[in-house]
Amino acid sequence: MKKLVLTGAAGRLGSYLREPLSKMCETLVSTDIVDAPDTRHANETYVQADLADLDAMVELLEGADMVIHFGAIGDEAPFETLLGPNFIGAYNIWEAAYRNKVRRVVYASSIHAVGMHKKTDAIGIDAPHKPDTFYGLAKCFAEDLASMYWDKRGLESVCMRILSCAQVSNPRAVGTWLSYDDLIHLVQRAIDTPITGFSIVYGVSNNDRAPVDNSGARHLGYKPKDNAEQFAKEIYAANETLDPHDPGNTHHGGPFASVELGNSGVAHLNLNADDTAKS
């Protein structure tokens, strides 16, 4: 491809994607609201921009083949805080993509779009929206944008409902883990699959205890290799017995299902230091 655009490039997950994306195109344009990273790849340019600025997004996506949209606040927060980057920013990306005749938006959605479904319900990609937070509500909004822009304007989208893309540090992650290698593989398949229309796929590794069903997204060719079962014995031994009446243990959204609206869910995930170094 000639040009790919990566939003949220300075974030934790975006940082992992810059190198592999640079190998898939002639020019990679990375963007975030913060200053440029210290190093860049040979074919990578960096543009500091605000997702809430439509004119800036239209200019940014000019000539792009696809946009990989990872930019957003990555945690629960008050609605007013999320409104600009997570809600308006999503609209701006799809609208800017449409105006520039971009073929596809590859979107970092989240399990939190369906986080209030119970974990004992093995949900598939057709599970109805059931957000656990304002953060999850923003993911529902973006997925519905993606669906509408496909139906009404022919703009393809792949919405990747990421579960837990961080090191396995808590009992929930034994089922929800998405390794960084599998994340890269998932994004690559979302880009190089010839036709996607509007697609939803769960971002989860090949875990024995994965609580979601990806069979409806086989057309994307996503075949994760890593399995969190290797960590299960150690993780379970290091943690107390889980309370079966705590929504954070019984629902797909984990602690996001139990926190008060507007309060951080990430703070309750017990992430390792290197998984919290970047937002």
Protein backbone atom coordinates (compact mmCIF):
# COMPACT_ATOMS: atom_id res chain seq x y z
CA MET A 1 0.00 0.00 0.00
CA LYS A 2 1.09 3.55 -0.58
CA LYS A 3 -0.05 5.17 2.69
CA LEU A 4 -1.30 3.93 6.03
CA VAL A 5 -2.29 6.24 8.89
CA LEU A 6 -1.97 5.11 12.52
CA THR A 7 -3.73 7.14 15.21
CA GLY A 8 -2.75 6.77 18.85
CA ALA A 9 0.78 6.02 17.70
CA ALA A 10 2.36 7.21 20.95
CA GLY A 11 0.15 4.97 23.07
CA ARG A 12 1.14 1.56 24.42
CA LEU A 13 -0.51 -0.52 21.70
CA GLY A 14 0.16 1.98 18.94
CA SER A 15 3.85 1.87 19.78
CA TYR A 16 3.89 -1.89 19.14
CA LEU A 17 2.23 -1.43 15.75
CA ARG A 18 4.47 1.23 14.19
CA GLU A 19 7.24 -1.10 13.03
CA PRO A 20 5.06 -3.87 11.53
CA LEU A 21 2.81 -1.30 9.84
CA SER A 22 5.83 0.46 8.35
CA LYS A 23 6.62 -2.80 6.53
CA MET A 24 3.18 -2.93 4.92
CA CYS A 25 3.27 0.39 3.07
CA GLU A 26 5.42 2.94 1.26
CA THR A 27 4.57 5.66 3.79
CA LEU A 28 3.36 5.30 7.37
CA VAL A 29 1.89 8.44 8.93
CA SER A 30 1.80 8.14 12.70
CA THR A 31 -0.20 10.62 14.73
CA ASP A 32 -1.08 11.42 18.32
CA ILE A 33 -1.88 14.45 20.43
CA VAL A 34 1.53 14.39 22.15
CA ASP A 35 4.99 15.27 20.88
CA ALA A 36 6.74 13.07 18.33
CA PRO A 37 8.61 9.95 19.54
CA ASP A 38 12.39 10.12 19.72
CA THR A 39 12.91 7.68 16.85
CA ARG A 40 11.03 6.98 13.65
CA HIS A 41 11.26 4.33 10.94
CA ALA A 42 12.72 5.23 7.56
CA ASN A 43 9.34 5.55 5.84
CA GLU A 44 7.47 6.95 8.85
CA THR A 45 6.36 10.54 9.36
CA TYR A 46 4.75 11.90 12.50
CA VAL A 47 1.97 14.48 12.73
CA GLN A 48 0.86 15.90 16.06
CA ALA A 49 -2.91 16.33 15.82
CA ASP A 50 -6.12 16.31 17.85
CA LEU A 51 -8.74 13.69 16.97
CA ALA A 52 -11.46 16.18 17.90
CA ASP A 53 -10.35 18.50 15.06
CA LEU A 54 -12.19 17.39 11.91
CA ASP A 55 -10.20 19.61 9.56
CA ALA A 56 -6.96 18.16 10.91
CA MET A 57 -8.21 14.60 10.40
CA VAL A 58 -9.34 15.35 6.83
CA GLU A 59 -5.89 16.70 6.02
CA LEU A 60 -4.17 13.80 7.77
CA LEU A 61 -6.04 11.11 5.81
CA GLU A 62 -5.51 12.65 2.39
CA GLY A 63 -4.20 9.98 0.02
CA ALA A 64 -4.41 7.19 2.62
CA ASP A 65 -5.35 3.64 1.66
CA MET A 66 -6.45 2.74 5.19
CA VAL A 67 -6.47 4.23 8.67
CA ILE A 68 -5.67 2.13 11.76
CA HIS A 69 -7.54 3.96 14.51
CA PHE A 70 -6.10 3.33 17.99
CA GLY A 71 -6.32 6.91 19.26
CA ALA A 72 -8.55 7.53 22.30
CA ILE A 73 -8.51 7.75 26.08
CA GLY A 74 -7.99 4.10 27.01
CA ASP A 75 -9.88 3.95 30.29
CA GLU A 76 -13.20 4.83 31.87
CA ALA A 77 -13.56 8.53 32.66
CA PRO A 78 -16.38 11.07 32.99
CA PHE A 79 -18.45 11.38 29.83
CA GLU A 80 -17.32 14.97 29.30
CA THR A 81 -13.68 13.83 29.29
CA LEU A 82 -14.31 11.10 26.72
CA LEU A 83 -16.60 13.14 24.49
CA GLY A 84 -13.87 14.80 22.42
CA PRO A 85 -11.31 12.05 21.79
CA ASN A 86 -13.54 8.95 22.00
CA PHE A 87 -16.89 10.04 20.58
CA ILE A 88 -16.28 13.08 18.37
CA GLY A 89 -12.85 11.72 17.45
CA ALA A 90 -14.46 8.52 16.14
CA TYR A 91 -16.91 10.48 14.00
CA ASN A 92 -14.09 12.62 12.66
CA ILE A 93 -12.08 9.56 11.61
CA TRP A 94 -14.94 7.95 9.70
CA GLU A 95 -16.04 11.22 8.14
CA ALA A 96 -12.48 12.14 7.14
CA ALA A 97 -11.98 8.64 5.72
CA TYR A 98 -15.15 8.98 3.66
CA ARG A 99 -14.22 12.42 2.32
CA ASN A 100 -10.80 11.12 1.26
CA LYS A 101 -12.15 7.91 -0.28
CA VAL A 102 -10.13 5.81 2.16
CA ARG A 103 -10.99 2.16 1.64
CA ARG A 104 -11.07 0.86 5.21
CA VAL A 105 -10.94 1.84 8.88
CA VAL A 106 -9.29 -0.72 11.17
CA TYR A 107 -10.59 0.16 14.62
CA ALA A 108 -9.43 -0.73 18.12
CA SER A 109 -12.79 -1.49 19.66
CA SER A 110 -13.08 -3.29 22.99
CA ILE A 111 -14.77 -6.07 24.93
CA HIS A 112 -16.26 -3.22 26.96
CA ALA A 113 -18.78 -2.65 24.17
CA VAL A 114 -20.35 -5.90 25.38
CA GLY A 115 -18.89 -5.90 28.90
CA MET A 116 -22.15 -6.40 30.81
CA HIS A 117 -22.80 -9.79 29.24
CA LYS A 118 -22.11 -12.59 31.72
CA LYS A 119 -18.91 -14.60 31.27
CA THR A 120 -20.90 -17.82 31.43
CA ASP A 121 -22.56 -16.66 28.18
CA ALA A 122 -20.03 -17.55 25.47
CA ILE A 123 -20.79 -14.58 23.25
CA GLY A 124 -20.03 -14.39 19.54
CA ILE A 125 -19.41 -11.47 17.23
CA ASP A 126 -23.18 -10.99 16.90
CA ALA A 127 -23.67 -10.29 20.61
CA PRO A 128 -25.79 -7.15 21.08
CA HIS A 129 -24.15 -4.10 22.56
CA LYS A 130 -24.16 -4.08 26.36
CA PRO A 131 -21.57 -1.49 27.46
CA ASP A 132 -20.16 -1.51 30.96
CA THR A 133 -18.97 2.13 31.11
CA PHE A 134 -18.95 5.41 29.22
CA TYR A 135 -15.73 4.07 27.69
CA GLY A 136 -17.61 1.00 26.46
CA LEU A 137 -20.44 3.22 25.23
CA ALA A 138 -17.94 5.08 23.04
CA LYS A 139 -16.90 1.74 21.52
CA CYS A 140 -20.56 0.96 20.77
CA PHE A 141 -20.93 4.39 19.14
CA ALA A 142 -17.88 3.82 16.95
CA GLU A 143 -19.00 0.32 15.94
CA ASP A 144 -22.40 1.70 14.96
CA LEU A 145 -20.66 4.46 13.00
CA ALA A 146 -18.65 1.81 11.21
CA SER A 147 -21.78 -0.19 10.40
CA MET A 148 -23.64 2.89 9.14
CA TYR A 149 -20.76 4.17 7.00
CA TRP A 150 -20.56 0.73 5.36
CA ASP A 151 -24.30 0.50 4.75
CA LYS A 152 -24.76 4.09 3.58
CA ARG A 153 -21.38 5.05 2.12
CA GLY A 154 -19.51 1.84 1.29
CA LEU A 155 -16.61 2.49 3.68
CA GLU A 156 -15.23 -0.81 5.00
CA SER A 157 -14.36 -1.28 8.67
CA VAL A 158 -12.91 -4.00 10.87
CA CYS A 159 -13.78 -3.46 14.52
CA MET A 160 -11.40 -5.43 16.74
CA ARG A 161 -12.95 -5.97 20.17
CA ILE A 162 -9.73 -6.25 22.16
CA LEU A 163 -10.02 -8.11 25.47
CA SER A 164 -6.76 -7.79 27.47
CA CYS A 165 -3.66 -6.83 25.52
CA ALA A 166 -1.16 -6.81 28.40
CA GLN A 167 0.88 -9.34 30.32
CA VAL A 168 -1.12 -11.96 32.18
CA SER A 169 -1.21 -10.59 35.72
CA ASN A 170 -4.68 -11.51 37.02
CA PRO A 171 -7.10 -14.47 36.85
CA ARG A 172 -9.37 -12.80 34.27
CA ALA A 173 -6.49 -12.47 31.81
CA VAL A 174 -6.01 -16.26 31.67
CA GLY A 175 -9.04 -16.20 29.39
CA THR A 176 -8.89 -12.70 27.93
CA TRP A 177 -5.18 -12.34 27.05
CA LEU A 178 -4.20 -10.99 23.65
CA SER A 179 -0.44 -11.28 23.21
CA TYR A 180 1.40 -8.50 21.41
CA ASP A 181 2.38 -10.91 18.62
CA ASP A 182 -1.26 -11.91 18.14
CA LEU A 183 -2.29 -8.24 18.19
CA ILE A 184 0.10 -7.54 15.32
CA HIS A 185 -1.19 -10.60 13.43
CA LEU A 186 -4.80 -9.45 13.96
CA VAL A 187 -4.11 -5.96 12.63
CA GLN A 188 -2.25 -7.38 9.63
CA ARG A 189 -5.20 -9.63 8.76
CA ALA A 190 -7.61 -6.69 9.19
CA ILE A 191 -5.53 -4.80 6.62
CA ASP A 192 -4.64 -7.43 4.03
CA THR A 193 -7.94 -9.33 3.84
CA PRO A 194 -9.23 -8.42 0.36
CA ILE A 195 -12.85 -7.75 1.33
CA THR A 196 -14.18 -7.14 4.84
CA GLY A 197 -17.31 -5.00 4.52
CA PHE A 198 -18.29 -4.26 8.10
CA SER A 199 -16.65 -6.89 10.31
CA ILE A 200 -16.32 -7.48 14.04
CA VAL A 201 -13.65 -9.75 15.50
CA TYR A 202 -12.54 -10.38 19.07
CA GLY A 203 -8.96 -9.53 19.87
CA VAL A 204 -8.01 -12.53 21.98
CA SER A 205 -5.26 -15.12 21.80
CA ASN A 206 -5.74 -18.87 21.41
CA ASN A 207 -6.51 -19.31 25.11
CA ASP A 208 -8.05 -22.54 26.39
CA ARG A 209 -10.41 -20.43 28.53
CA ALA A 210 -11.24 -17.70 25.99
CA PRO A 211 -14.80 -16.56 26.85
CA VAL A 212 -15.76 -15.40 23.33
CA ASP A 213 -16.41 -17.08 19.98
CA ASN A 214 -14.61 -15.79 16.87
CA SER A 215 -16.00 -18.37 14.43
CA GLY A 216 -18.11 -15.70 12.73
CA ALA A 217 -14.98 -13.82 11.71
CA ARG A 218 -13.11 -16.62 9.96
CA HIS A 219 -13.10 -14.67 6.70
CA LEU A 220 -10.39 -12.46 8.22
CA GLY A 221 -7.97 -15.36 8.51
CA TYR A 222 -7.02 -14.48 12.09
CA LYS A 223 -5.32 -17.51 13.67
CA PRO A 224 -3.77 -16.59 17.03
CA LYS A 225 -0.91 -18.74 18.26
CA ASP A 226 -0.34 -17.84 21.91
CA ASN A 227 -2.18 -19.40 24.85
CA ALA A 228 -2.42 -17.99 28.39
CA GLU A 229 -2.91 -21.43 29.92
CA GLN A 230 0.85 -21.53 30.51
CA PHE A 231 0.33 -18.86 33.20
CA ALA A 232 -2.84 -20.30 34.78
CA LYS A 233 -1.39 -22.33 37.65
CA GLU A 234 0.88 -19.54 38.89
CA ILE A 235 -1.77 -16.82 38.53
CA TYR A 236 -4.51 -18.79 40.28
CA ALA A 237 -2.19 -19.76 43.14
CA ALA A 238 -1.16 -16.15 43.70
CA ASN A 239 -4.74 -14.85 43.94
CA GLU A 240 -7.53 -15.38 46.44
CA THR A 241 -10.70 -17.25 45.51
CA LEU A 242 -12.86 -14.97 43.38
CA ASP A 243 -16.18 -13.70 44.73
CA PRO A 244 -18.90 -15.18 42.47
CA HIS A 245 -21.23 -12.29 43.34
CA ASP A 246 -18.85 -9.53 42.21
CA PRO A 247 -19.83 -8.24 38.73
CA GLY A 248 -16.15 -7.71 38.07
CA ASN A 249 -15.64 -11.48 38.23
CA THR A 250 -18.84 -12.60 36.54
CA HIS A 251 -19.09 -10.27 33.55
CA HIS A 252 -17.00 -9.92 30.39
CA GLY A 253 -15.96 -6.38 31.27
CA GLY A 254 -14.11 -7.44 34.41
CA PRO A 255 -13.58 -4.53 36.82
CA PHE A 256 -15.12 -2.16 34.28
CA ALA A 257 -18.41 -3.95 35.03
CA SER A 258 -18.20 -3.14 38.73
CA VAL A 259 -16.72 0.38 38.92
CA GLU A 260 -18.97 3.42 39.22
CA LEU A 261 -19.50 5.25 35.96
CA GLY A 262 -16.70 7.74 35.34
CA ASN A 263 -14.18 5.93 37.56
CA SER A 264 -11.07 4.16 36.26
CA GLY A 265 -11.34 0.48 35.43
CA VAL A 266 -7.68 0.11 34.51
CA ALA A 267 -6.72 0.95 38.10
CA HIS A 268 -8.24 -2.38 39.19
CA LEU A 269 -6.55 -4.58 36.57
CA ASN A 270 -3.29 -5.14 38.49
CA LEU A 271 -1.22 -4.46 35.37
CA ASN A 272 2.55 -4.79 35.35
CA ALA A 273 4.65 -1.63 35.21
CA ASP A 274 5.58 -1.98 31.55
CA ASP A 275 1.89 -2.27 30.63
CA THR A 276 1.05 1.04 32.32
CA ALA A 277 4.06 3.02 31.14
CA LYS A 278 2.09 4.57 28.26
CA SER A 279 -1.58 5.48 28.07
